[in-house]
Amino acid sequence: MGVVTTRKNAGATTSPRRRCDGRASGRRDHLVKLAAETFATLEAHRAAVTVMRNDRGYPRSLPGGRFDHLDKAGTEIERMWIEQIERGQRAGCFRSDVNPAPTYRLIRDGIPGTVRWFRPGGRIDTADLTEHHITVLFDGPTTGTRTTRRA
């Protein structure tokens, strides 16, 4: 979602690519940074995240192409995530038997949904929320070996 991954600070916009393509120690670090940036927007752009989560098609239906940049940003963000997953697969950091596109969508779709229950200034902040999401994502909620089987 383009609107949930670009944050404005003091009037200057920094691209997600510039913030997340630093010299991280591994591909996991890149995904952690992308997720952290996305969760951070829950505080900064809560209303925009809510609109995009609940009625993404509405801005597209408005005349004049005023919101075309949202689709372009979404495409760029999806490309960044998938690229990081593919790089991680090539480097042996991520499983090679999972498709990067649905993997990205599963990760992505878990983030904006939190706008319904996350409250800035509440018991959990965005850093804790990011850490929890990443822990469940990479380590899973259970212990032991994989129990699922391919169909």
Protein backbone atom coordinates (compact mmCIF):
# COMPACT_ATOMS: atom_id res chain seq x y z
CA MET A 1 0.00 0.00 0.00
CA GLY A 2 1.66 3.20 -1.11
CA VAL A 3 -0.01 5.38 1.45
CA VAL A 4 1.20 3.25 4.32
CA THR A 5 4.85 3.15 3.44
CA THR A 6 5.79 6.76 2.83
CA ARG A 7 6.24 8.88 5.92
CA LYS A 8 6.68 12.65 5.93
CA ASN A 9 8.96 14.15 8.54
CA ALA A 10 9.40 17.90 8.91
CA GLY A 11 8.09 18.49 5.40
CA ALA A 12 10.65 16.25 3.67
CA THR A 13 9.69 12.91 2.21
CA THR A 14 12.18 10.06 2.28
CA SER A 15 11.49 7.17 -0.05
CA PRO A 16 10.93 3.72 1.47
CA ARG A 17 13.70 2.37 -0.77
CA ARG A 18 16.24 4.83 0.62
CA ARG A 19 15.30 4.04 4.23
CA CYS A 20 15.21 0.27 3.76
CA ASP A 21 18.03 -0.43 1.32
CA GLY A 22 20.78 0.37 3.80
CA ARG A 23 23.61 -1.98 4.56
CA ALA A 24 21.55 -4.47 6.57
CA SER A 25 23.31 -7.64 7.66
CA GLY A 26 20.87 -9.94 5.90
CA ARG A 27 17.69 -10.19 3.90
CA ARG A 28 15.65 -10.64 7.06
CA ASP A 29 16.84 -7.20 8.17
CA HIS A 30 15.52 -5.68 4.95
CA LEU A 31 12.06 -7.16 5.55
CA VAL A 32 12.13 -6.01 9.18
CA LYS A 33 12.87 -2.45 8.02
CA LEU A 34 10.09 -2.54 5.44
CA ALA A 35 7.63 -3.83 8.04
CA ALA A 36 8.77 -1.24 10.60
CA GLU A 37 8.20 1.59 8.12
CA THR A 38 4.76 0.27 7.33
CA PHE A 39 3.76 -0.09 10.99
CA ALA A 40 5.11 3.41 11.73
CA THR A 41 2.54 4.87 9.35
CA LEU A 42 -0.27 3.54 11.54
CA GLU A 43 0.45 6.47 13.84
CA ALA A 44 1.35 9.10 11.26
CA HIS A 45 -1.38 8.35 8.71
CA ARG A 46 -4.08 6.45 10.57
CA ALA A 47 -6.97 7.96 8.58
CA ALA A 48 -5.34 7.23 5.22
CA VAL A 49 -4.56 3.65 6.25
CA THR A 50 -8.17 3.19 7.34
CA VAL A 51 -9.52 4.47 4.01
CA MET A 52 -7.13 2.28 2.03
CA ARG A 53 -7.94 -0.73 4.19
CA ASN A 54 -11.72 -0.33 4.11
CA ASP A 55 -12.41 1.18 0.70
CA ARG A 56 -9.38 1.06 -1.56
CA GLY A 57 -11.53 1.32 -4.69
CA TYR A 58 -13.15 4.62 -3.76
CA PRO A 59 -10.19 6.93 -4.50
CA ARG A 60 -9.75 5.15 -7.85
CA SER A 61 -13.35 5.92 -8.79
CA LEU A 62 -12.89 9.67 -8.46
CA PRO A 63 -12.45 11.58 -11.74
CA GLY A 64 -9.26 13.28 -12.83
CA GLY A 65 -6.72 10.66 -11.78
CA ARG A 66 -6.09 12.51 -8.55
CA PHE A 67 -5.14 9.31 -6.73
CA ASP A 68 -3.28 7.49 -9.51
CA HIS A 69 -0.08 7.90 -7.51
CA LEU A 70 -1.44 5.42 -4.95
CA ASP A 71 -1.49 2.60 -7.50
CA LYS A 72 1.99 3.53 -8.73
CA ALA A 73 3.33 3.60 -5.18
CA GLY A 74 1.65 0.28 -4.41
CA THR A 75 3.27 -1.33 -7.45
CA GLU A 76 6.71 0.02 -6.45
CA ILE A 77 6.31 -1.18 -2.87
CA GLU A 78 5.20 -4.64 -3.97
CA ARG A 79 8.22 -4.82 -6.27
CA MET A 80 10.55 -3.86 -3.40
CA TRP A 81 9.16 -6.54 -1.06
CA ILE A 82 9.18 -9.29 -3.69
CA GLU A 83 12.69 -8.32 -4.75
CA GLN A 84 13.92 -8.65 -1.16
CA ILE A 85 12.23 -12.04 -0.77
CA GLU A 86 13.75 -13.27 -4.04
CA ARG A 87 17.21 -12.01 -3.03
CA GLY A 88 16.83 -13.79 0.27
CA GLN A 89 15.90 -17.00 -1.52
CA ARG A 90 18.94 -16.75 -3.81
CA ALA A 91 21.17 -16.11 -0.79
CA GLY A 92 19.72 -19.12 1.04
CA CYS A 93 18.19 -16.96 3.80
CA PHE A 94 14.59 -17.72 2.87
CA ARG A 95 12.88 -20.91 1.81
CA SER A 96 13.09 -21.56 -1.90
CA ASP A 97 9.85 -23.55 -1.97
CA VAL A 98 7.54 -20.58 -1.37
CA ASN A 99 6.30 -18.20 -4.03
CA PRO A 100 7.51 -14.63 -3.33
CA ALA A 101 4.34 -12.84 -4.55
CA PRO A 102 1.81 -14.56 -2.24
CA THR A 103 4.38 -14.48 0.55
CA TYR A 104 4.57 -10.70 0.21
CA ARG A 105 0.78 -10.40 0.16
CA LEU A 106 0.41 -12.49 3.31
CA ILE A 107 2.97 -10.35 5.11
CA ARG A 108 1.47 -7.11 3.79
CA ASP A 109 -2.14 -7.91 4.56
CA GLY A 110 -1.37 -8.57 8.20
CA ILE A 111 -0.11 -5.04 8.73
CA PRO A 112 -2.90 -2.62 7.70
CA GLY A 113 -5.51 -4.76 9.44
CA THR A 114 -4.03 -3.72 12.76
CA VAL A 115 -5.39 -0.22 12.20
CA ARG A 116 -8.71 -1.53 13.54
CA TRP A 117 -7.33 -2.32 17.01
CA PHE A 118 -3.96 -0.55 17.32
CA ARG A 119 -4.12 2.67 19.32
CA PRO A 120 -1.18 5.09 19.29
CA GLY A 121 -0.17 5.81 22.87
CA GLY A 122 -1.70 2.53 24.03
CA ARG A 123 -0.15 -0.45 25.78
CA ILE A 124 1.86 -1.43 22.70
CA ASP A 125 3.81 0.93 20.47
CA THR A 126 4.72 0.50 16.80
CA ALA A 127 8.20 -0.85 17.62
CA ASP A 128 6.69 -3.59 19.81
CA LEU A 129 4.03 -4.28 17.19
CA THR A 130 6.70 -4.65 14.50
CA GLU A 131 8.76 -6.98 16.70
CA HIS A 132 5.74 -9.15 17.42
CA HIS A 133 4.74 -9.34 13.75
CA ILE A 134 8.28 -10.26 12.70
CA THR A 135 8.60 -12.88 15.44
CA VAL A 136 5.40 -14.61 14.39
CA LEU A 137 6.34 -14.25 10.73
CA PHE A 138 9.85 -15.70 11.00
CA ASP A 139 9.59 -17.97 14.02
CA GLY A 140 5.90 -18.89 13.98
CA PRO A 141 3.58 -19.12 16.96
CA THR A 142 4.51 -22.74 17.72
CA THR A 143 7.67 -24.62 18.56
CA GLY A 144 9.07 -27.70 16.90
CA THR A 145 9.22 -28.80 13.29
CA ARG A 146 6.91 -28.00 10.42
CA THR A 147 3.66 -29.94 10.56
CA THR A 148 2.03 -28.80 7.32
CA ARG A 149 2.33 -30.86 4.16
CA ARG A 150 2.10 -29.86 0.53
CA ALA A 151 -1.20 -30.73 -1.13
